[in-house]
Amino acid sequence: MQIGTQLQQRRKEHNMSQEALADKLHISRQSISKWENGTSLPSFANVVAISELFDISLDELIKGDENLMKELEKGPKINKAAFAVIIGIALGIVAYIMSTTVFHLSEDTVSSWIMLPLIPSFIGLVWSIKWRFLNGRFL
């Protein structure tokens, strides 16, 4: 049985709406809907959370869904934000080395220029935080 069908069945057995299940898993209702419709698959962390929530074994939850098993075998994927951070750090290191060796700039000058991207980076960080999630989690 596919995980979406099984999830929907378990959710209904527990008289739980998609919204209530989404709140318990700290995700959106749309994610639950996509899993149940088979348009996307849950992450491994969410599969474990579902297993614990409905008190069923991971074997029972995963083994019937070939697509989910293949997806979980692939391992973790790097998300776009992490990729951008890695590329940014690599470019920063290359720029630092080039500016001190090729262009013979002093380390003080390079340090001053390095501070410029910090402001937009901080604004981007603040902008990307899911404040609604944090407010519900810590209040």
Protein backbone atom coordinates (compact mmCIF):
# COMPACT_ATOMS: atom_id res chain seq x y z
CA MET A 1 0.00 0.00 0.00
CA GLN A 2 1.34 3.45 -0.86
CA ILE A 3 2.24 5.70 2.02
CA GLY A 4 -0.29 8.36 0.95
CA THR A 5 -3.18 5.91 1.08
CA GLN A 6 -1.94 4.51 4.37
CA LEU A 7 -1.50 7.98 5.84
CA GLN A 8 -5.01 8.99 4.85
CA GLN A 9 -6.42 5.78 6.31
CA ARG A 10 -4.58 6.20 9.62
CA ARG A 11 -5.50 9.88 9.82
CA LYS A 12 -9.20 9.08 9.37
CA GLU A 13 -9.01 6.23 11.91
CA HIS A 14 -7.79 8.79 14.44
CA ASN A 15 -10.52 11.29 13.43
CA MET A 16 -7.86 13.78 12.43
CA SER A 17 -8.11 16.43 9.72
CA GLN A 18 -5.24 17.20 7.36
CA GLU A 19 -4.81 20.49 9.20
CA ALA A 20 -4.56 18.79 12.60
CA LEU A 21 -2.01 16.27 11.31
CA ALA A 22 -0.01 19.07 9.67
CA ASP A 23 0.06 20.97 12.97
CA LYS A 24 1.35 17.91 14.82
CA LEU A 25 4.11 17.40 12.22
CA HIS A 26 4.87 21.17 12.01
CA ILE A 27 4.30 21.31 8.27
CA SER A 28 1.66 22.76 5.94
CA ARG A 29 -1.70 21.15 5.24
CA GLN A 30 -0.78 21.23 1.55
CA SER A 31 2.12 18.86 2.23
CA ILE A 32 -0.26 16.33 3.79
CA SER A 33 -2.57 16.69 0.81
CA LYS A 34 0.29 16.14 -1.65
CA TRP A 35 1.41 13.01 0.21
CA GLU A 36 -2.10 11.60 0.27
CA ASN A 37 -2.61 12.36 -3.43
CA GLY A 38 0.74 10.82 -4.31
CA THR A 39 2.14 13.99 -5.89
CA SER A 40 5.06 14.11 -3.42
CA LEU A 41 6.68 11.96 -0.77
CA PRO A 42 7.49 12.78 2.86
CA SER A 43 11.08 13.12 4.02
CA PHE A 44 12.59 10.43 6.20
CA ALA A 45 12.19 12.64 9.27
CA ASN A 46 8.47 13.00 8.52
CA VAL A 47 8.10 9.25 7.94
CA VAL A 48 9.60 8.63 11.38
CA ALA A 49 7.29 11.25 12.92
CA ILE A 50 4.25 9.67 11.25
CA SER A 51 5.34 6.25 12.49
CA GLU A 52 5.60 7.53 16.06
CA LEU A 53 2.39 9.54 15.88
CA PHE A 54 0.24 6.62 14.68
CA ASP A 55 2.26 4.00 16.60
CA ILE A 56 3.09 1.85 13.57
CA SER A 57 6.43 0.37 12.60
CA LEU A 58 8.58 1.92 9.91
CA ASP A 59 8.51 -1.41 8.06
CA GLU A 60 4.74 -1.35 7.94
CA LEU A 61 4.76 2.26 6.75
CA ILE A 62 7.53 2.06 4.14
CA LYS A 63 7.68 -1.44 2.68
CA GLY A 64 4.48 -1.21 0.68
CA ASP A 65 5.52 1.94 -1.19
CA GLU A 66 8.15 1.27 -3.86
CA ASN A 67 8.53 4.96 -4.76
CA LEU A 68 9.17 5.96 -1.15
CA MET A 69 11.70 3.17 -0.68
CA LYS A 70 13.61 4.31 -3.79
CA GLU A 71 13.49 7.92 -2.62
CA LEU A 72 14.80 7.07 0.85
CA GLU A 73 17.60 4.94 -0.64
CA LYS A 74 18.92 7.96 -2.53
CA GLY A 75 19.93 9.60 0.73
CA PRO A 76 19.71 13.23 1.71
CA LYS A 77 19.69 15.94 -0.93
CA ILE A 78 21.37 19.29 -0.51
CA ASN A 79 18.84 22.09 -0.59
CA LYS A 80 19.25 25.31 -2.55
CA ALA A 81 20.09 27.44 0.47
CA ALA A 82 22.89 25.12 1.62
CA PHE A 83 24.25 24.97 -1.92
CA ALA A 84 24.25 28.78 -2.13
CA VAL A 85 26.10 29.03 1.21
CA ILE A 86 28.75 26.53 0.10
CA ILE A 87 29.27 28.34 -3.22
CA GLY A 88 29.40 31.70 -1.40
CA ILE A 89 32.05 30.48 1.01
CA ALA A 90 34.11 28.98 -1.80
CA LEU A 91 33.90 32.21 -3.82
CA GLY A 92 34.84 34.23 -0.73
CA ILE A 93 37.94 32.13 -0.13
CA VAL A 94 38.99 32.41 -3.78
CA ALA A 95 38.38 36.18 -3.75
CA TYR A 96 40.40 36.59 -0.54
CA ILE A 97 43.35 34.62 -1.89
CA MET A 98 43.30 36.46 -5.20
CA SER A 99 43.00 39.90 -3.61
CA THR A 100 45.94 39.33 -1.26
CA THR A 101 48.24 37.47 -3.66
CA VAL A 102 47.38 38.62 -7.19
CA PHE A 103 46.22 42.18 -6.50
CA HIS A 104 48.51 42.71 -3.46
CA LEU A 105 45.83 44.35 -1.33
CA SER A 106 46.46 44.64 2.39
CA GLU A 107 44.53 42.41 4.75
CA ASP A 108 42.89 45.49 6.33
CA THR A 109 41.51 46.57 2.95
CA VAL A 110 40.23 43.07 2.22
CA SER A 111 38.65 42.85 5.70
CA SER A 112 36.81 46.12 5.09
CA TRP A 113 35.40 44.86 1.80
CA ILE A 114 34.38 41.55 3.35
CA MET A 115 32.06 43.39 5.75
CA LEU A 116 29.91 44.79 2.89
CA PRO A 117 28.07 41.55 2.02
CA LEU A 118 27.23 40.91 5.67
CA ILE A 119 24.41 43.47 5.74
CA PRO A 120 22.41 42.03 2.81
CA SER A 121 23.20 38.52 4.08
CA PHE A 122 21.73 39.35 7.49
CA ILE A 123 18.64 40.89 5.87
CA GLY A 124 18.25 37.76 3.71
CA LEU A 125 18.54 35.55 6.78
CA VAL A 126 15.90 37.49 8.68
CA TRP A 127 13.64 37.46 5.61
CA SER A 128 13.93 33.68 5.17
CA ILE A 129 13.02 32.71 8.75
CA LYS A 130 9.57 31.16 9.07
CA TRP A 131 8.37 33.45 11.84
CA ARG A 132 4.91 31.88 12.02
CA PHE A 133 6.51 28.51 12.80
CA LEU A 134 8.79 30.01 15.44
CA ASN A 135 5.98 31.96 17.12
CA GLY A 136 3.84 28.84 17.45
CA ARG A 137 6.79 26.78 18.63
CA PHE A 138 8.18 29.03 21.37
CA LEU A 139 5.15 30.87 22.70
